[in-house]
Amino acid sequence: MTNNNKISTTSKDIKKPYKCRNCYIIRLFLLAVVFILLFALIQSNNLHYLNFVTPSNAATIIIILGIIMFLAKVTKYYFENKKH
């Protein structure tokens, strides 16, 4: 008799589930939104601290961070190809 039981695997054979980077970023964003809403509910009389959060400021920050990341990747690409 042979044992064809597929359940008996070692812990080395069990792979950890792959976590998507995009899903991780979306989860962090949603968690941040929940915390901001919770903060708004708790501190309803101190909301003047969040006056700087406007759509134009958010768009400006996104554009600035995008330009910084683009320049960092271009310089990294340039220096890596210069070595070859």
Protein backbone atom coordinates (compact mmCIF):
# COMPACT_ATOMS: atom_id res chain seq x y z
CA MET A 1 0.00 0.00 0.00
CA THR A 2 1.26 3.45 -0.88
CA ASN A 3 0.30 6.65 0.78
CA ASN A 4 -1.00 9.10 -1.84
CA ASN A 5 -2.21 11.60 0.72
CA LYS A 6 -1.64 15.13 -0.64
CA ILE A 7 -2.38 16.74 2.72
CA SER A 8 0.88 15.64 4.28
CA THR A 9 3.22 18.39 3.09
CA THR A 10 6.10 19.95 4.92
CA SER A 11 6.13 23.56 5.99
CA LYS A 12 8.78 24.26 3.35
CA ASP A 13 6.34 23.29 0.59
CA ILE A 14 3.66 25.71 1.76
CA LYS A 15 4.01 29.02 -0.04
CA LYS A 16 2.99 32.27 1.55
CA PRO A 17 0.23 34.04 -0.37
CA TYR A 18 1.48 36.78 -2.66
CA LYS A 19 0.31 40.23 -1.61
CA CYS A 20 -0.20 42.62 -4.47
CA ARG A 21 1.58 45.95 -4.05
CA ASN A 22 -1.31 47.89 -5.57
CA CYS A 23 -3.75 46.23 -3.18
CA TYR A 24 -1.48 47.14 -0.28
CA ILE A 25 -1.38 50.79 -1.37
CA ILE A 26 -5.16 50.90 -1.80
CA ARG A 27 -5.63 49.40 1.66
CA LEU A 28 -3.33 52.00 3.19
CA PHE A 29 -5.21 54.78 1.41
CA LEU A 30 -8.57 53.50 2.63
CA LEU A 31 -7.20 53.16 6.15
CA ALA A 32 -5.99 56.77 6.03
CA VAL A 33 -9.42 57.93 4.84
CA VAL A 34 -11.09 56.03 7.69
CA PHE A 35 -8.75 57.63 10.22
CA ILE A 36 -9.43 61.10 8.81
CA LEU A 37 -13.18 60.49 9.04
CA LEU A 38 -12.81 59.19 12.57
CA PHE A 39 -10.73 62.23 13.48
CA ALA A 40 -13.39 64.49 11.94
CA LEU A 41 -16.14 62.85 13.98
CA ILE A 42 -14.20 63.04 17.23
CA GLN A 43 -12.77 66.55 16.83
CA SER A 44 -15.65 68.29 15.10
CA ASN A 45 -14.85 71.64 16.75
CA ASN A 46 -11.14 71.49 15.79
CA LEU A 47 -11.58 70.92 12.04
CA HIS A 48 -9.88 74.21 11.20
CA TYR A 49 -6.61 72.23 11.41
CA LEU A 50 -7.61 70.42 8.21
CA ASN A 51 -8.24 73.57 6.16
CA PHE A 52 -5.08 72.96 4.12
CA VAL A 53 -6.54 69.72 2.72
CA THR A 54 -8.10 70.92 -0.51
CA PRO A 55 -8.31 69.29 -3.95
CA SER A 56 -5.84 71.77 -5.42
CA ASN A 57 -3.29 71.12 -2.64
CA ALA A 58 -3.72 67.34 -3.07
CA ALA A 59 -3.24 67.67 -6.85
CA THR A 60 -0.15 69.83 -6.33
CA ILE A 61 1.39 67.29 -3.94
CA ILE A 62 0.65 64.42 -6.35
CA ILE A 63 2.25 66.30 -9.26
CA ILE A 64 5.32 67.29 -7.23
CA LEU A 65 5.82 63.73 -5.94
CA GLY A 66 5.37 62.39 -9.48
CA ILE A 67 8.02 64.76 -10.84
CA ILE A 68 10.43 63.84 -8.02
CA MET A 69 9.93 60.10 -8.64
CA PHE A 70 10.35 60.59 -12.39
CA LEU A 71 13.60 62.50 -11.95
CA ALA A 72 14.90 59.89 -9.50
CA LYS A 73 14.14 57.05 -11.93
CA VAL A 74 15.67 58.91 -14.88
CA THR A 75 18.89 59.57 -12.96
CA LYS A 76 19.01 55.96 -11.74
CA TYR A 77 18.51 54.73 -15.32
CA TYR A 78 21.17 57.12 -16.61
CA PHE A 79 23.80 56.05 -14.06
CA GLU A 80 23.06 52.32 -14.48
CA ASN A 81 23.41 52.53 -18.26
CA LYS A 82 26.55 54.69 -18.01
CA LYS A 83 28.35 51.82 -16.21
CA HIS A 84 27.69 49.38 -19.07
